[in-house]
Amino acid sequence: EIHKVNDRPCYKATVTGKTTGSFDFFLRIRDTWRSYIDTTS
């Protein structure tokens, strides 16, 4: 879907990351980054 942000049509791109297995026990990570990117510029 195209999202409207600041009156501009935008792509929505989402990146997520999480640790698994034994790493999740010692260093638990649940991170999300999201950007709304102007479709023209």
PDB file of all heavy atoms in Angstrom:
ATOM      1  N   GLU A   1       0.827  -1.207   0.000  1.00  0.00           N
ATOM      2  CA  GLU A   1       0.000   0.000   0.000  1.00  0.00           C
ATOM      3  C   GLU A   1       0.861   1.257   0.000  1.00  0.00           C
ATOM      4  O   GLU A   1       1.970   1.263   0.532  1.00  0.00           O
ATOM      5  CB  GLU A   1      -0.906   0.016   1.238  1.00  0.00           C
ATOM      6  CG  GLU A   1      -1.876  -1.149   1.318  1.00  0.00           C
ATOM      7  CD  GLU A   1      -2.703  -1.107   2.590  1.00  0.00           C
ATOM      8  OE1 GLU A   1      -2.630  -0.086   3.309  1.00  0.00           O
ATOM      9  OE2 GLU A   1      -3.406  -2.085   2.866  1.00  0.00           O
ATOM     10  N   ILE A   2       0.331   2.325  -0.601  1.00  0.00           N
ATOM     11  CA  ILE A   2       0.970   3.640  -0.544  1.00  0.00           C
ATOM     12  C   ILE A   2       0.363   4.405   0.636  1.00  0.00           C
ATOM     13  O   ILE A   2      -0.855   4.477   0.781  1.00  0.00           O
ATOM     14  CB  ILE A   2       0.758   4.425  -1.858  1.00  0.00           C
ATOM     15  CG1 ILE A   2       1.408   3.664  -3.031  1.00  0.00           C
ATOM     16  CG2 ILE A   2       1.348   5.823  -1.741  1.00  0.00           C
ATOM     17  CD1 ILE A   2       2.901   3.498  -2.919  1.00  0.00           C
ATOM     18  N   HIS A   3       1.209   4.943   1.492  1.00  0.00           N
ATOM     19  CA  HIS A   3       0.770   5.661   2.687  1.00  0.00           C
ATOM     20  C   HIS A   3       0.995   7.159   2.496  1.00  0.00           C
ATOM     21  O   HIS A   3       1.999   7.575   1.910  1.00  0.00           O
ATOM     22  CB  HIS A   3       1.545   5.162   3.910  1.00  0.00           C
ATOM     23  CG  HIS A   3       1.319   3.724   4.209  1.00  0.00           C
ATOM     24  ND1 HIS A   3       0.520   3.286   5.232  1.00  0.00           N
ATOM     25  CD2 HIS A   3       1.796   2.593   3.609  1.00  0.00           C
ATOM     26  CE1 HIS A   3       0.501   1.962   5.262  1.00  0.00           C
ATOM     27  NE2 HIS A   3       1.269   1.519   4.277  1.00  0.00           N
ATOM     28  N   LYS A   4       0.088   7.958   3.037  1.00  0.00           N
ATOM     29  CA  LYS A   4       0.224   9.407   2.930  1.00  0.00           C
ATOM     30  C   LYS A   4       0.792   9.950   4.238  1.00  0.00           C
ATOM     31  O   LYS A   4       0.200   9.779   5.308  1.00  0.00           O
ATOM     32  CB  LYS A   4      -1.120  10.062   2.618  1.00  0.00           C
ATOM     33  CG  LYS A   4      -0.986  11.424   1.959  1.00  0.00           C
ATOM     34  CD  LYS A   4      -2.267  11.843   1.269  1.00  0.00           C
ATOM     35  CE  LYS A   4      -2.031  13.071   0.406  1.00  0.00           C
ATOM     36  NZ  LYS A   4      -3.250  13.514  -0.297  1.00  0.00           N
ATOM     37  N   VAL A   5       1.937  10.595   4.158  1.00  0.00           N
ATOM     38  CA  VAL A   5       2.606  11.177   5.322  1.00  0.00           C
ATOM     39  C   VAL A   5       3.046  12.590   4.956  1.00  0.00           C
ATOM     40  O   VAL A   5       3.677  12.798   3.916  1.00  0.00           O
ATOM     41  CB  VAL A   5       3.835  10.337   5.747  1.00  0.00           C
ATOM     42  CG1 VAL A   5       4.527  10.960   6.954  1.00  0.00           C
ATOM     43  CG2 VAL A   5       3.423   8.905   6.070  1.00  0.00           C
ATOM     44  N   ASN A   6       2.714  13.536   5.801  1.00  0.00           N
ATOM     45  CA  ASN A   6       3.026  14.952   5.516  1.00  0.00           C
ATOM     46  C   ASN A   6       2.503  15.362   4.137  1.00  0.00           C
ATOM     47  O   ASN A   6       3.169  16.093   3.386  1.00  0.00           O
ATOM     48  CB  ASN A   6       4.538  15.206   5.609  1.00  0.00           C
ATOM     49  CG  ASN A   6       5.088  14.922   6.992  1.00  0.00           C
ATOM     50  OD1 ASN A   6       4.371  15.021   7.988  1.00  0.00           O
ATOM     51  ND2 ASN A   6       6.356  14.555   7.068  1.00  0.00           N
ATOM     52  N   ASP A   7       1.324  14.838   3.801  1.00  0.00           N
ATOM     53  CA  ASP A   7       0.675  15.122   2.510  1.00  0.00           C
ATOM     54  C   ASP A   7       1.480  14.645   1.309  1.00  0.00           C
ATOM     55  O   ASP A   7       1.341  15.172   0.200  1.00  0.00           O
ATOM     56  CB  ASP A   7       0.384  16.628   2.360  1.00  0.00           C
ATOM     57  CG  ASP A   7      -0.697  17.105   3.313  1.00  0.00           C
ATOM     58  OD1 ASP A   7      -1.637  16.330   3.552  1.00  0.00           O
ATOM     59  OD2 ASP A   7      -0.586  18.231   3.812  1.00  0.00           O
ATOM     60  N   ARG A   8       2.323  13.645   1.537  1.00  0.00           N
ATOM     61  CA  ARG A   8       3.110  13.069   0.449  1.00  0.00           C
ATOM     62  C   ARG A   8       2.843  11.566   0.362  1.00  0.00           C
ATOM     63  O   ARG A   8       2.739  10.882   1.381  1.00  0.00           O
ATOM     64  CB  ARG A   8       4.617  13.296   0.699  1.00  0.00           C
ATOM     65  CG  ARG A   8       5.047  14.748   0.720  1.00  0.00           C
ATOM     66  CD  ARG A   8       4.920  15.395  -0.639  1.00  0.00           C
ATOM     67  NE  ARG A   8       5.666  14.670  -1.652  1.00  0.00           N
ATOM     68  CZ  ARG A   8       5.551  14.877  -2.958  1.00  0.00           C
ATOM     69  NH1 ARG A   8       4.690  15.771  -3.412  1.00  0.00           N
ATOM     70  NH2 ARG A   8       6.280  14.201  -3.815  1.00  0.00           N
ATOM     71  N   PRO A   9       2.722  11.002  -0.859  1.00  0.00           N
ATOM     72  CA  PRO A   9       2.582   9.552  -0.992  1.00  0.00           C
ATOM     73  C   PRO A   9       3.915   8.869  -0.668  1.00  0.00           C
ATOM     74  O   PRO A   9       4.970   9.289  -1.157  1.00  0.00           O
ATOM     75  CB  PRO A   9       2.198   9.364  -2.468  1.00  0.00           C
ATOM     76  CG  PRO A   9       2.753  10.574  -3.159  1.00  0.00           C
ATOM     77  CD  PRO A   9       2.689  11.698  -2.162  1.00  0.00           C
ATOM     78  N   CYS A  10       3.847   7.831   0.151  1.00  0.00           N
ATOM     79  CA  CYS A  10       5.082   7.207   0.645  1.00  0.00           C
ATOM     80  C   CYS A  10       5.009   5.684   0.597  1.00  0.00           C
ATOM     81  O   CYS A  10       3.943   5.083   0.796  1.00  0.00           O
ATOM     82  CB  CYS A  10       5.348   7.619   2.095  1.00  0.00           C
ATOM     83  SG  CYS A  10       5.785   9.341   2.329  1.00  0.00           S
ATOM     84  N   TYR A  11       6.176   5.071   0.332  1.00  0.00           N
ATOM     85  CA  TYR A  11       6.355   3.646   0.580  1.00  0.00           C
ATOM     86  C   TYR A  11       6.608   3.450   2.076  1.00  0.00           C
ATOM     87  O   TYR A  11       7.210   4.306   2.724  1.00  0.00           O
ATOM     88  CB  TYR A  11       7.574   3.101  -0.169  1.00  0.00           C
ATOM     89  CG  TYR A  11       7.561   3.304  -1.658  1.00  0.00           C
ATOM     90  CD1 TYR A  11       8.513   4.125  -2.276  1.00  0.00           C
ATOM     91  CD2 TYR A  11       6.625   2.669  -2.471  1.00  0.00           C
ATOM     92  CE1 TYR A  11       8.527   4.308  -3.655  1.00  0.00           C
ATOM     93  CE2 TYR A  11       6.635   2.844  -3.854  1.00  0.00           C
ATOM     94  CZ  TYR A  11       7.582   3.666  -4.432  1.00  0.00           C
ATOM     95  OH  TYR A  11       7.598   3.844  -5.789  1.00  0.00           O
ATOM     96  N   LYS A  12       6.149   2.325   2.608  1.00  0.00           N
ATOM     97  CA  LYS A  12       6.461   1.980   3.999  1.00  0.00           C
ATOM     98  C   LYS A  12       7.404   0.785   4.006  1.00  0.00           C
ATOM     99  O   LYS A  12       7.055  -0.304   3.539  1.00  0.00           O
ATOM    100  CB  LYS A  12       5.204   1.645   4.792  1.00  0.00           C
ATOM    101  CG  LYS A  12       5.490   1.340   6.265  1.00  0.00           C
ATOM    102  CD  LYS A  12       4.217   1.076   7.063  1.00  0.00           C
ATOM    103  CE  LYS A  12       3.692  -0.314   6.835  1.00  0.00           C
ATOM    104  NZ  LYS A  12       2.618  -0.674   7.792  1.00  0.00           N
ATOM    105  N   ALA A  13       8.630   1.001   4.498  1.00  0.00           N
ATOM    106  CA  ALA A  13       9.641  -0.055   4.561  1.00  0.00           C
ATOM    107  C   ALA A  13       9.930  -0.361   6.023  1.00  0.00           C
ATOM    108  O   ALA A  13      10.227   0.549   6.805  1.00  0.00           O
ATOM    109  CB  ALA A  13      10.914   0.378   3.853  1.00  0.00           C
ATOM    110  N   THR A  14       9.847  -1.639   6.389  1.00  0.00           N
ATOM    111  CA  THR A  14      10.040  -2.052   7.779  1.00  0.00           C
ATOM    112  C   THR A  14      11.120  -3.112   7.866  1.00  0.00           C
ATOM    113  O   THR A  14      11.110  -4.091   7.114  1.00  0.00           O
ATOM    114  CB  THR A  14       8.730  -2.614   8.364  1.00  0.00           C
ATOM    115  OG1 THR A  14       7.688  -1.640   8.239  1.00  0.00           O
ATOM    116  CG2 THR A  14       8.907  -2.969   9.833  1.00  0.00           C
ATOM    117  N   VAL A  15      12.058  -2.914   8.788  1.00  0.00           N
ATOM    118  CA  VAL A  15      13.126  -3.867   9.055  1.00  0.00           C
ATOM    119  C   VAL A  15      13.002  -4.323  10.504  1.00  0.00           C
ATOM    120  O   VAL A  15      12.864  -3.489  11.405  1.00  0.00           O
ATOM    121  CB  VAL A  15      14.516  -3.241   8.820  1.00  0.00           C
ATOM    122  CG1 VAL A  15      15.620  -4.258   9.104  1.00  0.00           C
ATOM    123  CG2 VAL A  15      14.638  -2.700   7.401  1.00  0.00           C
ATOM    124  N   THR A  16      13.027  -5.630  10.726  1.00  0.00           N
ATOM    125  CA  THR A  16      12.974  -6.151  12.089  1.00  0.00           C
ATOM    126  C   THR A  16      14.137  -7.098  12.316  1.00  0.00           C
ATOM    127  O   THR A  16      14.645  -7.724  11.382  1.00  0.00           O
ATOM    128  CB  THR A  16      11.660  -6.901  12.364  1.00  0.00           C
ATOM    129  OG1 THR A  16      11.585  -8.047  11.504  1.00  0.00           O
ATOM    130  CG2 THR A  16      10.456  -6.006  12.121  1.00  0.00           C
ATOM    131  N   GLY A  17      14.543  -7.207  13.571  1.00  0.00           N
ATOM    132  CA  GLY A  17      15.605  -8.131  13.933  1.00  0.00           C
ATOM    133  C   GLY A  17      15.371  -8.700  15.315  1.00  0.00           C
ATOM    134  O   GLY A  17      14.902  -7.997  16.215  1.00  0.00           O
ATOM    135  N   LYS A  18      15.661  -9.994  15.477  1.00  0.00           N
ATOM    136  CA  LYS A  18      15.524 -10.613  16.795  1.00  0.00           C
ATOM    137  C   LYS A  18      16.536 -11.742  16.934  1.00  0.00           C
ATOM    138  O   LYS A  18      16.852 -12.447  15.978  1.00  0.00           O
ATOM    139  CB  LYS A  18      14.113 -11.153  17.011  1.00  0.00           C
ATOM    140  CG  LYS A  18      13.720 -12.303  16.098  1.00  0.00           C
ATOM    141  CD  LYS A  18      12.341 -12.846  16.445  1.00  0.00           C
ATOM    142  CE  LYS A  18      11.981 -14.048  15.576  1.00  0.00           C
ATOM    143  NZ  LYS A  18      10.663 -14.605  15.944  1.00  0.00           N
ATOM    144  N   THR A  19      17.065 -11.875  18.141  1.00  0.00           N
ATOM    145  CA  THR A  19      17.985 -12.967  18.429  1.00  0.00           C
ATOM    146  C   THR A  19      17.215 -14.276  18.556  1.00  0.00           C
ATOM    147  O   THR A  19      16.011 -14.285  18.838  1.00  0.00           O
ATOM    148  CB  THR A  19      18.769 -12.698  19.728  1.00  0.00           C
ATOM    149  OG1 THR A  19      17.850 -12.239  20.736  1.00  0.00           O
ATOM    150  CG2 THR A  19      19.834 -11.649  19.513  1.00  0.00           C
ATOM    151  N   THR A  20      17.931 -15.395  18.347  1.00  0.00           N
ATOM    152  CA  THR A  20      17.316 -16.713  18.425  1.00  0.00           C
ATOM    153  C   THR A  20      18.221 -17.656  19.212  1.00  0.00           C
ATOM    154  O   THR A  20      19.391 -17.366  19.456  1.00  0.00           O
ATOM    155  CB  THR A  20      17.089 -17.300  17.024  1.00  0.00           C
ATOM    156  OG1 THR A  20      18.348 -17.357  16.334  1.00  0.00           O
ATOM    157  CG2 THR A  20      16.114 -16.467  16.219  1.00  0.00           C
ATOM    158  N   GLY A  21      17.662 -18.788  19.603  1.00  0.00           N
ATOM    159  CA  GLY A  21      18.445 -19.833  20.250  1.00  0.00           C
ATOM    160  C   GLY A  21      19.146 -19.373  21.517  1.00  0.00           C
ATOM    161  O   GLY A  21      18.619 -18.598  22.309  1.00  0.00           O
ATOM    162  N   SER A  22      20.389 -19.837  21.697  1.00  0.00           N
ATOM    163  CA  SER A  22      21.148 -19.509  22.906  1.00  0.00           C
ATOM    164  C   SER A  22      21.480 -18.024  22.982  1.00  0.00           C
ATOM    165  O   SER A  22      21.589 -17.457  24.078  1.00  0.00           O
ATOM    166  CB  SER A  22      22.436 -20.339  22.958  1.00  0.00           C
ATOM    167  OG  SER A  22      23.244 -20.087  21.827  1.00  0.00           O
ATOM    168  N   PHE A  23      21.621 -17.356  21.818  1.00  0.00           N
ATOM    169  CA  PHE A  23      21.885 -15.919  21.830  1.00  0.00           C
ATOM    170  C   PHE A  23      20.725 -15.161  22.482  1.00  0.00           C
ATOM    171  O   PHE A  23      20.930 -14.147  23.138  1.00  0.00           O
ATOM    172  CB  PHE A  23      22.101 -15.393  20.401  1.00  0.00           C
ATOM    173  CG  PHE A  23      23.543 -15.280  20.013  1.00  0.00           C
ATOM    174  CD1 PHE A  23      24.295 -16.410  19.774  1.00  0.00           C
ATOM    175  CD2 PHE A  23      24.146 -14.044  19.906  1.00  0.00           C
ATOM    176  CE1 PHE A  23      25.624 -16.311  19.425  1.00  0.00           C
ATOM    177  CE2 PHE A  23      25.481 -13.930  19.558  1.00  0.00           C
ATOM    178  CZ  PHE A  23      26.220 -15.080  19.322  1.00  0.00           C
ATOM    179  N   ASP A  24      19.504 -15.666  22.301  1.00  0.00           N
ATOM    180  CA  ASP A  24      18.341 -14.996  22.862  1.00  0.00           C
ATOM    181  C   ASP A  24      18.350 -15.053  24.384  1.00  0.00           C
ATOM    182  O   ASP A  24      17.775 -14.202  25.052  1.00  0.00           O
ATOM    183  CB  ASP A  24      17.065 -15.645  22.319  1.00  0.00           C
ATOM    184  CG  ASP A  24      15.863 -14.741  22.438  1.00  0.00           C
ATOM    185  OD1 ASP A  24      16.005 -13.539  22.170  1.00  0.00           O
ATOM    186  OD2 ASP A  24      14.782 -15.230  22.803  1.00  0.00           O
ATOM    187  N   PHE A  25      19.001 -16.065  24.937  1.00  0.00           N
ATOM    188  CA  PHE A  25      19.090 -16.191  26.395  1.00  0.00           C
ATOM    189  C   PHE A  25      20.071 -15.177  26.974  1.00  0.00           C
ATOM    190  O   PHE A  25      19.815 -14.570  28.015  1.00  0.00           O
ATOM    191  CB  PHE A  25      19.523 -17.617  26.766  1.00  0.00           C
ATOM    192  CG  PHE A  25      19.633 -17.850  28.235  1.00  0.00           C
ATOM    193  CD1 PHE A  25      18.496 -18.045  29.018  1.00  0.00           C
ATOM    194  CD2 PHE A  25      20.879 -17.872  28.848  1.00  0.00           C
ATOM    195  CE1 PHE A  25      18.602 -18.258  30.388  1.00  0.00           C
ATOM    196  CE2 PHE A  25      20.998 -18.085  30.211  1.00  0.00           C
ATOM    197  CZ  PHE A  25      19.848 -18.276  30.981  1.00  0.00           C
ATOM    198  N   PHE A  26      21.187 -14.974  26.299  1.00  0.00           N
ATOM    199  CA  PHE A  26      22.230 -14.084  26.823  1.00  0.00           C
ATOM    200  C   PHE A  26      22.042 -12.625  26.377  1.00  0.00           C
ATOM    201  O   PHE A  26      22.401 -11.708  27.108  1.00  0.00           O
ATOM    202  CB  PHE A  26      23.614 -14.580  26.367  1.00  0.00           C
ATOM    203  CG  PHE A  26      23.995 -15.893  26.974  1.00  0.00           C
ATOM    204  CD1 PHE A  26      23.959 -17.056  26.216  1.00  0.00           C
ATOM    205  CD2 PHE A  26      24.373 -15.981  28.304  1.00  0.00           C
ATOM    206  CE1 PHE A  26      24.301 -18.275  26.773  1.00  0.00           C
ATOM    207  CE2 PHE A  26      24.721 -17.199  28.874  1.00  0.00           C
ATOM    208  CZ  PHE A  26      24.677 -18.354  28.106  1.00  0.00           C
ATOM    209  N   LEU A  27      21.507 -12.417  25.173  1.00  0.00           N
ATOM    210  CA  LEU A  27      21.328 -11.058  24.653  1.00  0.00           C
ATOM    211  C   LEU A  27      20.027 -11.019  23.871  1.00  0.00           C
ATOM    212  O   LEU A  27      19.996 -11.299  22.675  1.00  0.00           O
ATOM    213  CB  LEU A  27      22.509 -10.662  23.761  1.00  0.00           C
ATOM    214  CG  LEU A  27      22.414  -9.292  23.082  1.00  0.00           C
ATOM    215  CD1 LEU A  27      22.363  -8.168  24.118  1.00  0.00           C
ATOM    216  CD2 LEU A  27      23.599  -9.074  22.143  1.00  0.00           C
ATOM    217  N   ARG A  28      18.948 -10.682  24.550  1.00  0.00           N
ATOM    218  CA  ARG A  28      17.628 -10.688  23.913  1.00  0.00           C
ATOM    219  C   ARG A  28      17.413  -9.386  23.149  1.00  0.00           C
ATOM    220  O   ARG A  28      17.419  -8.296  23.733  1.00  0.00           O
ATOM    221  CB  ARG A  28      16.534 -10.860  24.960  1.00  0.00           C
ATOM    222  CG  ARG A  28      15.142 -11.047  24.349  1.00  0.00           C
ATOM    223  CD  ARG A  28      14.086 -11.194  25.437  1.00  0.00           C
ATOM    224  NE  ARG A  28      12.801 -11.575  24.878  1.00  0.00           N
ATOM    225  CZ  ARG A  28      11.916 -10.723  24.369  1.00  0.00           C
ATOM    226  NH1 ARG A  28      12.193  -9.409  24.375  1.00  0.00           N
ATOM    227  NH2 ARG A  28      10.769 -11.146  23.882  1.00  0.00           N
ATOM    228  N   ILE A  29      17.238  -9.502  21.836  1.00  0.00           N
ATOM    229  CA  ILE A  29      17.049  -8.329  20.975  1.00  0.00           C
ATOM    230  C   ILE A  29      15.731  -8.463  20.231  1.00  0.00           C
ATOM    231  O   ILE A  29      15.438  -9.511  19.639  1.00  0.00           O
ATOM    232  CB  ILE A  29      18.206  -8.179  19.974  1.00  0.00           C
ATOM    233  CG1 ILE A  29      19.513  -7.851  20.707  1.00  0.00           C
ATOM    234  CG2 ILE A  29      17.893  -7.109  18.934  1.00  0.00           C
ATOM    235  CD1 ILE A  29      20.720  -7.797  19.812  1.00  0.00           C
ATOM    236  N   ARG A  30      14.939  -7.395  20.270  1.00  0.00           N
ATOM    237  CA  ARG A  30      13.707  -7.282  19.474  1.00  0.00           C
ATOM    238  C   ARG A  30      13.669  -5.853  18.933  1.00  0.00           C
ATOM    239  O   ARG A  30      13.146  -4.942  19.572  1.00  0.00           O
ATOM    240  CB  ARG A  30      12.460  -7.555  20.331  1.00  0.00           C
ATOM    241  CG  ARG A  30      12.399  -8.942  20.953  1.00  0.00           C
ATOM    242  CD  ARG A  30      12.163 -10.011  19.895  1.00  0.00           C
ATOM    243  NE  ARG A  30      11.954 -11.316  20.488  1.00  0.00           N
ATOM    244  CZ  ARG A  30      12.919 -12.174  20.812  1.00  0.00           C
ATOM    245  NH1 ARG A  30      14.191 -11.827  20.612  1.00  0.00           N
ATOM    246  NH2 ARG A  30      12.638 -13.349  21.322  1.00  0.00           N
ATOM    247  N   ASP A  31      14.218  -5.631  17.754  1.00  0.00           N
ATOM    248  CA  ASP A  31      14.362  -4.285  17.202  1.00  0.00           C
ATOM    249  C   ASP A  31      13.510  -4.119  15.946  1.00  0.00           C
ATOM    250  O   ASP A  31      13.363  -5.056  15.146  1.00  0.00           O
ATOM    251  CB  ASP A  31      15.826  -3.998  16.843  1.00  0.00           C
ATOM    252  CG  ASP A  31      16.729  -3.892  18.070  1.00  0.00           C
ATOM    253  OD1 ASP A  31      16.192  -3.831  19.195  1.00  0.00           O
ATOM    254  OD2 ASP A  31      17.957  -3.852  17.890  1.00  0.00           O
ATOM    255  N   THR A  32      12.972  -2.914  15.775  1.00  0.00           N
ATOM    256  CA  THR A  32      12.196  -2.570  14.576  1.00  0.00           C
ATOM    257  C   THR A  32      12.604  -1.185  14.105  1.00  0.00           C
ATOM    258  O   THR A  32      12.727  -0.259  14.910  1.00  0.00           O
ATOM    259  CB  THR A  32      10.685  -2.571  14.878  1.00  0.00           C
ATOM    260  OG1 THR A  32      10.286  -3.872  15.324  1.00  0.00           O
ATOM    261  CG2 THR A  32       9.882  -2.203  13.625  1.00  0.00           C
ATOM    262  N   TRP A  33      12.804  -1.057  12.798  1.00  0.00           N
ATOM    263  CA  TRP A  33      13.054   0.248  12.173  1.00  0.00           C
ATOM    264  C   TRP A  33      12.067   0.396  11.015  1.00  0.00           C
ATOM    265  O   TRP A  33      11.920  -0.519  10.207  1.00  0.00           O
ATOM    266  CB  TRP A  33      14.478   0.344  11.630  1.00  0.00           C
ATOM    267  CG  TRP A  33      15.547   0.159  12.654  1.00  0.00           C
ATOM    268  CD1 TRP A  33      16.145   1.104  13.434  1.00  0.00           C
ATOM    269  CD2 TRP A  33      16.190  -1.081  12.991  1.00  0.00           C
ATOM    270  NE1 TRP A  33      17.093   0.542  14.251  1.00  0.00           N
ATOM    271  CE2 TRP A  33      17.148  -0.802  13.998  1.00  0.00           C
ATOM    272  CE3 TRP A  33      16.041  -2.407  12.552  1.00  0.00           C
ATOM    273  CZ2 TRP A  33      17.951  -1.789  14.556  1.00  0.00           C
ATOM    274  CZ3 TRP A  33      16.830  -3.392  13.115  1.00  0.00           C
ATOM    275  CH2 TRP A  33      17.781  -3.071  14.107  1.00  0.00           C
ATOM    276  N   ARG A  34      11.418   1.553  10.929  1.00  0.00           N
ATOM    277  CA  ARG A  34      10.420   1.753   9.875  1.00  0.00           C
ATOM    278  C   ARG A  34      10.586   3.138   9.263  1.00  0.00           C
ATOM    279  O   ARG A  34      10.737   4.129   9.981  1.00  0.00           O
ATOM    280  CB  ARG A  34       9.018   1.600  10.445  1.00  0.00           C
ATOM    281  CG  ARG A  34       7.897   1.796   9.424  1.00  0.00           C
ATOM    282  CD  ARG A  34       6.545   1.466  10.022  1.00  0.00           C
ATOM    283  NE  ARG A  34       6.465   0.047  10.357  1.00  0.00           N
ATOM    284  CZ  ARG A  34       6.212  -0.416  11.582  1.00  0.00           C
ATOM    285  NH1 ARG A  34       6.009   0.420  12.581  1.00  0.00           N
ATOM    286  NH2 ARG A  34       6.159  -1.715  11.800  1.00  0.00           N
ATOM    287  N   SER A  35      10.559   3.191   7.946  1.00  0.00           N
ATOM    288  CA  SER A  35      10.702   4.460   7.238  1.00  0.00           C
ATOM    289  C   SER A  35       9.560   4.632   6.251  1.00  0.00           C
ATOM    290  O   SER A  35       9.160   3.673   5.575  1.00  0.00           O
ATOM    291  CB  SER A  35      12.036   4.505   6.489  1.00  0.00           C
ATOM    292  OG  SER A  35      12.213   5.745   5.835  1.00  0.00           O
ATOM    293  N   TYR A  36       9.025   5.846   6.191  1.00  0.00           N
ATOM    294  CA  TYR A  36       8.039   6.218   5.180  1.00  0.00           C
ATOM    295  C   TYR A  36       8.764   7.074   4.150  1.00  0.00           C
ATOM    296  O   TYR A  36       9.207   8.179   4.453  1.00  0.00           O
ATOM    297  CB  TYR A  36       6.882   6.977   5.817  1.00  0.00           C
ATOM    298  CG  TYR A  36       6.049   6.117   6.749  1.00  0.00           C
ATOM    299  CD1 TYR A  36       6.387   5.972   8.088  1.00  0.00           C
ATOM    300  CD2 TYR A  36       4.938   5.420   6.273  1.00  0.00           C
ATOM    301  CE1 TYR A  36       5.643   5.175   8.936  1.00  0.00           C
ATOM    302  CE2 TYR A  36       4.180   4.624   7.114  1.00  0.00           C
ATOM    303  CZ  TYR A  36       4.542   4.502   8.446  1.00  0.00           C
ATOM    304  OH  TYR A  36       3.794   3.698   9.290  1.00  0.00           O
ATOM    305  N   ILE A  37       8.903   6.541   2.940  1.00  0.00           N
ATOM    306  CA  ILE A  37       9.798   7.104   1.930  1.00  0.00           C
ATOM    307  C   ILE A  37       8.984   7.702   0.794  1.00  0.00           C
ATOM    308  O   ILE A  37       8.165   7.015   0.165  1.00  0.00           O
ATOM    309  CB  ILE A  37      10.733   6.006   1.384  1.00  0.00           C
ATOM    310  CG1 ILE A  37      11.476   5.316   2.541  1.00  0.00           C
ATOM    311  CG2 ILE A  37      11.722   6.590   0.381  1.00  0.00           C
ATOM    312  CD1 ILE A  37      12.142   4.015   2.146  1.00  0.00           C
ATOM    313  N   ASP A  38       9.216   8.977   0.515  1.00  0.00           N
ATOM    314  CA  ASP A  38       8.511   9.692  -0.544  1.00  0.00           C
ATOM    315  C   ASP A  38       8.684   8.951  -1.877  1.00  0.00           C
ATOM    316  O   ASP A  38       9.810   8.658  -2.292  1.00  0.00           O
ATOM    317  CB  ASP A  38       9.072  11.116  -0.651  1.00  0.00           C
ATOM    318  CG  ASP A  38       8.218  12.024  -1.525  1.00  0.00           C
ATOM    319  OD1 ASP A  38       8.008  11.677  -2.704  1.00  0.00           O
ATOM    320  OD2 ASP A  38       7.803  13.086  -1.034  1.00  0.00           O
ATOM    321  N   THR A  39       7.571   8.639  -2.545  1.00  0.00           N
ATOM    322  CA  THR A  39       7.646   7.842  -3.771  1.00  0.00           C
ATOM    323  C   THR A  39       8.312   8.577  -4.922  1.00  0.00           C
ATOM    324  O   THR A  39       8.811   7.949  -5.862  1.00  0.00           O
ATOM    325  CB  THR A  39       6.233   7.419  -4.221  1.00  0.00           C
ATOM    326  OG1 THR A  39       5.446   8.604  -4.448  1.00  0.00           O
ATOM    327  CG2 THR A  39       5.555   6.558  -3.177  1.00  0.00           C
ATOM    328  N   THR A  40       8.339   9.912  -4.866  1.00  0.00           N
ATOM    329  CA  THR A  40       8.933  10.704  -5.950  1.00  0.00           C
ATOM    330  C   THR A  40      10.394  11.042  -5.685  1.00  0.00           C
ATOM    331  O   THR A  40      11.274  10.792  -6.521  1.00  0.00           O
ATOM    332  CB  THR A  40       8.141  12.005  -6.167  1.00  0.00           C
ATOM    333  OG1 THR A  40       6.787  11.683  -6.464  1.00  0.00           O
ATOM    334  CG2 THR A  40       8.736  12.813  -7.308  1.00  0.00           C
ATOM    335  N   SER A  41      10.681  11.587  -4.512  1.00  0.00           N
ATOM    336  CA  SER A  41      12.043  12.053  -4.206  1.00  0.00           C
ATOM    337  C   SER A  41      12.922  10.971  -3.606  1.00  0.00           C
ATOM    338  O   SER A  41      14.147  11.116  -3.552  1.00  0.00           O
ATOM    339  CB  SER A  41      11.986  13.240  -3.235  1.00  0.00           C
ATOM    340  OG  SER A  41      11.461  12.832  -1.977  1.00  0.00           O
TER     341      SER A  41
END
